Amino acid sequence: MARFGADADPEQIVAQLHADGGVIVEGLLSATTLAAINAEVDPWVAAAEPGARQINPLLDAFFGPRTRHVASLTGRSRTFATEVLCHPQLLAVCDRVLLPSCARYQLNIASILDRGPGAEAQMLHRDEDVWIHAPRPRPELQVASIWALVDVTREMGATQVVPGSHRWDRARVPEADEITYADLPAGSAVFYFGSTLHGGGANTTADQWRRAVHLSFCLGWLRTEENNYLGTPPEVAKHLPRLAQELIGYAVHDAIADLGGYLGILDGRDPVDLLQDGTLG
């Protein structure tokens, strides 16, 4: 995959995304920011049981018995909510990919996937299949990303990505030489479409855990994978910057300017305004 620096022109990043379905952007987070996020999530990761049960046995198998999963990250790490969720480079990409198909995009899911020694490779999949019933053809529904909180190598389970697979027929299975690996220095991320085949790699190390964050945004009129209003409830969200509150999903999806309607009102008002004036939380 192509690699860009943190100050790259988002137009170039988006052009490469459309070409390959995935790109790597390095140097997005400073050492200070990384240290703050890791310190805030350390207790949650330590308390997470590897292989903890998911909503469905198929998900148990998907994540495997050697993965520590910490969900609802915006409610558990303020630094993550302010510095990663609201990162201008990621939002610039989402503006260009998602806004043509919605009035506002929103957080889909934000969680830590800490894959330990012995973790097997995930099956290759498309994140957008959580909306499997959406008819085709369709626009891109999602921009996803994996952020490295530590240096991530192929041996530690770097994310597998299949360039070009966002344009493939769904029945096509990649050959081994069509799969690439997103080795990431700490503070870097791989951005990819929800339509791109990918999956966590196998961790073949003896003692290294691959701590990374899965963060994705989706069109604002879709039901999100994670219930972000419960994961980051009003009493927590009210202490975050307004931009973070809007991205989490507290803001109305207002399509009136496009001769549409609005979604997500509360008592006829925008919930993000209710957070701001103290009515919520």
Protein backbone atom coordinates (compact mmCIF):
# COMPACT_ATOMS: atom_id res chain seq x y z
CA MET A 1 0.00 0.00 0.00
CA ALA A 2 1.01 3.57 -0.58
CA ARG A 3 2.34 5.48 2.43
CA PHE A 4 1.77 9.15 3.19
CA GLY A 5 2.99 11.54 5.86
CA ALA A 6 0.64 13.14 8.34
CA ASP A 7 0.71 16.46 6.45
CA ALA A 8 -0.13 14.93 3.06
CA ASP A 9 -2.79 16.52 0.87
CA PRO A 10 -6.05 14.72 1.71
CA GLU A 11 -7.00 14.86 -1.97
CA GLN A 12 -4.00 12.65 -2.72
CA ILE A 13 -4.89 10.26 0.09
CA VAL A 14 -8.48 9.96 -1.14
CA ALA A 15 -7.34 9.44 -4.72
CA GLN A 16 -5.13 6.57 -3.56
CA LEU A 17 -7.98 5.17 -1.47
CA HIS A 18 -10.22 5.09 -4.52
CA ALA A 19 -7.43 3.40 -6.49
CA ASP A 20 -6.37 0.76 -3.94
CA GLY A 21 -9.02 0.66 -1.22
CA GLY A 22 -6.43 1.28 1.50
CA VAL A 23 -3.52 3.58 2.37
CA ILE A 24 -1.11 4.03 5.27
CA VAL A 25 -0.65 7.44 6.88
CA GLU A 26 2.36 7.74 9.18
CA GLY A 27 3.12 10.10 12.05
CA LEU A 28 -0.45 11.06 12.88
CA LEU A 29 -0.01 10.96 16.67
CA SER A 30 2.85 12.36 18.75
CA ALA A 31 4.71 10.38 21.39
CA THR A 32 3.00 12.50 24.06
CA THR A 33 -0.46 11.71 22.70
CA LEU A 34 0.35 8.02 22.43
CA ALA A 35 1.59 7.93 26.03
CA ALA A 36 -1.59 9.64 27.24
CA ILE A 37 -3.90 7.25 25.37
CA ASN A 38 -2.00 4.17 26.50
CA ALA A 39 -2.05 5.35 30.11
CA GLU A 40 -5.80 5.96 29.95
CA VAL A 41 -6.61 2.59 28.41
CA ASP A 42 -4.10 0.48 30.38
CA PRO A 43 -6.60 -0.32 33.19
CA TRP A 44 -9.30 -1.28 30.71
CA VAL A 45 -6.94 -3.50 28.70
CA ALA A 46 -5.64 -5.15 31.88
CA ALA A 47 -9.20 -5.92 32.95
CA ALA A 48 -10.23 -7.31 29.56
CA GLU A 49 -10.40 -11.07 29.42
CA PRO A 50 -8.83 -12.55 26.28
CA GLY A 51 -11.51 -14.29 24.27
CA ALA A 52 -14.36 -12.75 26.26
CA ARG A 53 -17.76 -13.70 24.85
CA GLN A 54 -19.30 -11.55 22.16
CA ILE A 55 -22.95 -11.21 21.14
CA ASN A 56 -22.75 -14.27 18.88
CA PRO A 57 -20.57 -17.43 18.92
CA LEU A 58 -19.43 -16.61 15.40
CA LEU A 59 -17.90 -13.40 16.74
CA ASP A 60 -16.15 -15.41 19.47
CA ALA A 61 -14.45 -17.38 16.73
CA PHE A 62 -13.80 -14.27 14.65
CA PHE A 63 -11.89 -12.44 17.40
CA GLY A 64 -10.40 -15.64 18.83
CA PRO A 65 -9.26 -16.58 22.33
CA ARG A 66 -6.10 -14.45 22.26
CA THR A 67 -7.64 -10.99 21.72
CA ARG A 68 -8.41 -8.46 24.44
CA HIS A 69 -11.27 -6.24 23.34
CA VAL A 70 -12.03 -2.81 24.85
CA ALA A 71 -15.11 -1.18 23.35
CA SER A 72 -16.64 2.31 23.62
CA LEU A 73 -13.24 3.98 23.57
CA THR A 74 -14.61 7.52 23.30
CA GLY A 75 -16.10 7.09 26.78
CA ARG A 76 -12.93 5.62 28.25
CA SER A 77 -10.12 7.78 26.92
CA ARG A 78 -10.61 11.53 26.65
CA THR A 79 -7.33 11.85 24.76
CA PHE A 80 -8.58 9.38 22.19
CA ALA A 81 -11.86 11.30 21.87
CA THR A 82 -10.12 14.62 21.32
CA GLU A 83 -6.98 13.64 19.39
CA VAL A 84 -7.94 10.56 17.33
CA LEU A 85 -11.70 10.73 16.86
CA CYS A 86 -11.34 14.40 15.84
CA HIS A 87 -8.06 14.07 13.93
CA PRO A 88 -8.19 16.59 11.07
CA GLN A 89 -6.55 14.31 8.51
CA LEU A 90 -9.04 11.51 9.12
CA LEU A 91 -11.97 13.92 9.02
CA ALA A 92 -10.68 15.49 5.81
CA VAL A 93 -10.74 12.05 4.21
CA CYS A 94 -14.23 11.30 5.56
CA ASP A 95 -15.48 14.67 4.30
CA ARG A 96 -14.48 13.74 0.77
CA VAL A 97 -15.65 10.12 0.83
CA LEU A 98 -18.80 10.18 2.95
CA LEU A 99 -20.34 13.66 2.80
CA PRO A 100 -21.49 13.33 -0.84
CA SER A 101 -23.93 10.67 0.44
CA CYS A 102 -25.11 12.16 3.73
CA ALA A 103 -25.62 15.44 5.56
CA ARG A 104 -23.33 14.34 8.41
CA TYR A 105 -21.27 11.21 9.06
CA GLN A 106 -20.96 9.62 12.48
CA LEU A 107 -18.83 7.32 14.57
CA ASN A 108 -19.58 3.69 13.79
CA ILE A 109 -17.28 1.96 16.27
CA ALA A 110 -14.14 2.72 18.28
CA SER A 111 -12.45 -0.11 20.13
CA ILE A 112 -9.10 -1.56 21.07
CA LEU A 113 -8.18 -4.92 19.62
CA ASP A 114 -5.16 -6.13 21.59
CA ARG A 115 -4.07 -9.31 19.79
CA GLY A 116 -1.71 -11.47 21.79
CA PRO A 117 0.87 -14.16 21.01
CA GLY A 118 -0.78 -17.10 19.32
CA ALA A 119 -3.66 -15.09 17.88
CA GLU A 120 -4.60 -16.63 14.56
CA ALA A 121 -5.26 -14.59 11.44
CA GLN A 122 -8.82 -13.42 11.05
CA MET A 123 -10.75 -14.43 7.98
CA LEU A 124 -10.64 -11.72 5.37
CA HIS A 125 -13.85 -9.70 5.46
CA ARG A 126 -15.51 -6.42 4.56
CA ASP A 127 -16.56 -4.19 7.45
CA GLU A 128 -19.53 -2.87 5.47
CA ASP A 129 -21.18 -6.29 5.70
CA VAL A 130 -22.76 -5.17 8.97
CA TRP A 131 -25.16 -3.47 6.51
CA ILE A 132 -25.47 -6.58 4.35
CA HIS A 133 -29.05 -5.67 3.38
CA ALA A 134 -28.07 -2.38 1.74
CA PRO A 135 -28.78 -2.81 -2.00
CA ARG A 136 -26.07 -2.51 -4.63
CA PRO A 137 -24.83 -0.50 -6.42
CA ARG A 138 -24.25 1.96 -3.59
CA PRO A 139 -21.78 4.59 -2.42
CA GLU A 140 -19.07 3.86 0.10
CA LEU A 141 -20.86 3.43 3.42
CA GLN A 142 -17.84 3.59 5.69
CA VAL A 143 -14.29 4.83 6.13
CA ALA A 144 -12.43 2.61 8.58
CA SER A 145 -8.99 2.82 10.13
CA ILE A 146 -6.59 0.89 12.34
CA TRP A 147 -4.36 3.05 14.57
CA ALA A 148 -1.18 1.60 16.05
CA LEU A 149 -0.68 2.42 19.74
CA VAL A 150 2.62 0.49 19.63
CA ASP A 151 4.92 -0.38 16.75
CA VAL A 152 3.08 -3.06 14.77
CA THR A 153 4.91 -5.59 12.60
CA ARG A 154 3.73 -8.45 10.44
CA GLU A 155 4.96 -10.91 13.07
CA MET A 156 2.75 -9.19 15.68
CA GLY A 157 -0.35 -9.51 13.52
CA ALA A 158 -0.34 -6.44 11.30
CA THR A 159 -3.63 -5.96 9.47
CA GLN A 160 -3.91 -7.80 6.17
CA VAL A 161 -5.34 -5.68 3.35
CA VAL A 162 -6.20 -6.72 -0.20
CA PRO A 163 -5.60 -3.71 -2.49
CA GLY A 164 -8.20 -3.30 -5.20
CA SER A 165 -10.70 -5.65 -3.55
CA HIS A 166 -13.20 -2.81 -3.05
CA ARG A 167 -13.90 -3.13 -6.78
CA TRP A 168 -14.03 -6.93 -6.91
CA ASP A 169 -16.98 -9.22 -7.43
CA ARG A 170 -17.86 -10.48 -3.97
CA ALA A 171 -17.26 -14.11 -4.94
CA ARG A 172 -13.60 -13.50 -5.79
CA VAL A 173 -11.07 -14.91 -3.31
CA PRO A 174 -7.62 -13.31 -3.18
CA GLU A 175 -4.47 -15.19 -3.98
CA ALA A 176 -1.67 -15.10 -1.39
CA ASP A 177 0.37 -12.64 -3.45
CA GLU A 178 -2.59 -10.20 -3.55
CA ILE A 179 -2.55 -9.71 0.23
CA THR A 180 -0.38 -7.01 1.80
CA TYR A 181 0.36 -6.23 5.46
CA ALA A 182 -0.01 -2.87 7.18
CA ASP A 183 3.18 -2.66 9.24
CA LEU A 184 2.69 0.51 11.27
CA PRO A 185 5.03 2.61 13.40
CA ALA A 186 3.30 3.68 16.61
CA GLY A 187 1.08 6.70 15.95
CA SER A 188 0.38 5.70 12.34
CA ALA A 189 -2.79 4.30 10.81
CA VAL A 190 -4.10 2.39 7.85
CA PHE A 191 -7.22 3.94 6.30
CA TYR A 192 -9.47 1.69 4.21
CA PHE A 193 -12.99 1.49 2.81
CA GLY A 194 -15.66 -0.66 4.38
CA SER A 195 -15.78 -2.44 1.02
CA THR A 196 -12.10 -3.48 1.17
CA LEU A 197 -11.15 -7.03 2.13
CA HIS A 198 -8.93 -7.09 5.22
CA GLY A 199 -8.37 -8.90 8.51
CA GLY A 200 -6.08 -9.05 11.51
CA GLY A 201 -2.90 -11.01 10.87
CA ALA A 202 -1.51 -13.89 12.92
CA ASN A 203 0.60 -12.96 15.95
CA THR A 204 3.57 -15.34 15.77
CA THR A 205 5.65 -13.64 18.46
CA ALA A 206 6.36 -15.18 21.85
CA ASP A 207 5.48 -12.24 24.06
CA GLN A 208 4.29 -9.16 22.12
CA TRP A 209 0.73 -7.86 22.11
CA ARG A 210 -0.46 -5.90 19.10
CA ARG A 211 -2.34 -2.98 20.66
CA ALA A 212 -4.27 -1.08 18.03
CA VAL A 213 -7.53 0.84 17.71
CA HIS A 214 -10.25 0.14 15.20
CA LEU A 215 -12.05 3.42 14.43
CA SER A 216 -14.62 3.82 11.69
CA PHE A 217 -17.13 6.40 10.52
CA CYS A 218 -20.27 5.68 8.52
CA LEU A 219 -23.00 7.60 6.74
CA GLY A 220 -25.10 9.50 9.26
CA TRP A 221 -28.38 7.84 8.31
CA LEU A 222 -27.19 4.28 9.06
CA ARG A 223 -27.62 2.32 12.29
CA THR A 224 -24.15 2.08 13.86
CA GLU A 225 -22.34 -1.12 14.76
CA GLU A 226 -21.75 0.02 18.33
CA ASN A 227 -24.38 1.78 20.45
CA ASN A 228 -22.36 4.93 21.02
CA TYR A 229 -25.03 6.70 23.09
CA LEU A 230 -24.76 3.99 25.76
CA GLY A 231 -21.00 3.58 25.34
CA THR A 232 -20.46 7.32 25.80
CA PRO A 233 -23.60 8.41 27.70
CA PRO A 234 -24.61 12.08 28.11
CA GLU A 235 -22.97 12.43 31.53
CA VAL A 236 -19.63 11.55 29.88
CA ALA A 237 -20.20 13.15 26.50
CA LYS A 238 -21.06 16.55 28.01
CA HIS A 239 -17.41 16.95 29.05
CA LEU A 240 -16.09 16.44 25.51
CA PRO A 241 -15.62 19.12 22.86
CA ARG A 242 -18.64 19.81 20.68
CA LEU A 243 -16.95 18.32 17.61
CA ALA A 244 -16.47 15.02 19.46
CA GLN A 245 -20.09 15.08 20.61
CA GLU A 246 -21.25 15.61 17.04
CA LEU A 247 -19.05 12.82 15.68
CA ILE A 248 -20.22 10.37 18.35
CA GLY A 249 -23.71 10.87 16.99
CA TYR A 250 -25.38 13.33 19.34
CA ALA A 251 -25.92 15.82 16.51
CA VAL A 252 -29.01 15.71 14.31
CA HIS A 253 -28.62 14.44 10.74
CA ASP A 254 -30.22 17.45 9.07
CA ALA A 255 -30.94 16.97 5.36
CA ILE A 256 -33.46 19.80 5.01
CA ALA A 257 -31.07 21.78 2.81
CA ASP A 258 -31.16 18.79 0.42
CA LEU A 259 -34.98 18.83 0.50
CA GLY A 260 -34.99 15.94 2.94
CA GLY A 261 -35.74 15.69 6.65
CA TYR A 262 -33.89 15.19 9.88
CA LEU A 263 -32.99 12.24 12.08
CA GLY A 264 -32.21 12.03 15.79
CA ILE A 265 -34.13 14.93 17.33
CA LEU A 266 -35.11 14.97 21.01
CA ASP A 267 -38.16 17.02 22.03
CA GLY A 268 -37.87 18.89 18.75
CA ARG A 269 -34.26 19.95 19.41
CA ASP A 270 -30.77 18.92 18.43
CA PRO A 271 -29.36 16.72 21.26
CA VAL A 272 -25.92 18.25 20.87
CA ASP A 273 -27.41 21.62 21.81
CA LEU A 274 -29.02 20.00 24.86
CA LEU A 275 -25.59 18.73 25.90
CA GLN A 276 -24.18 22.22 25.50
CA ASP A 277 -26.83 23.96 27.61
CA GLY A 278 -26.85 21.31 30.32
CA THR A 279 -30.30 19.85 29.64
CA LEU A 280 -28.71 16.44 28.93
CA GLY A 281 -26.21 14.85 31.27
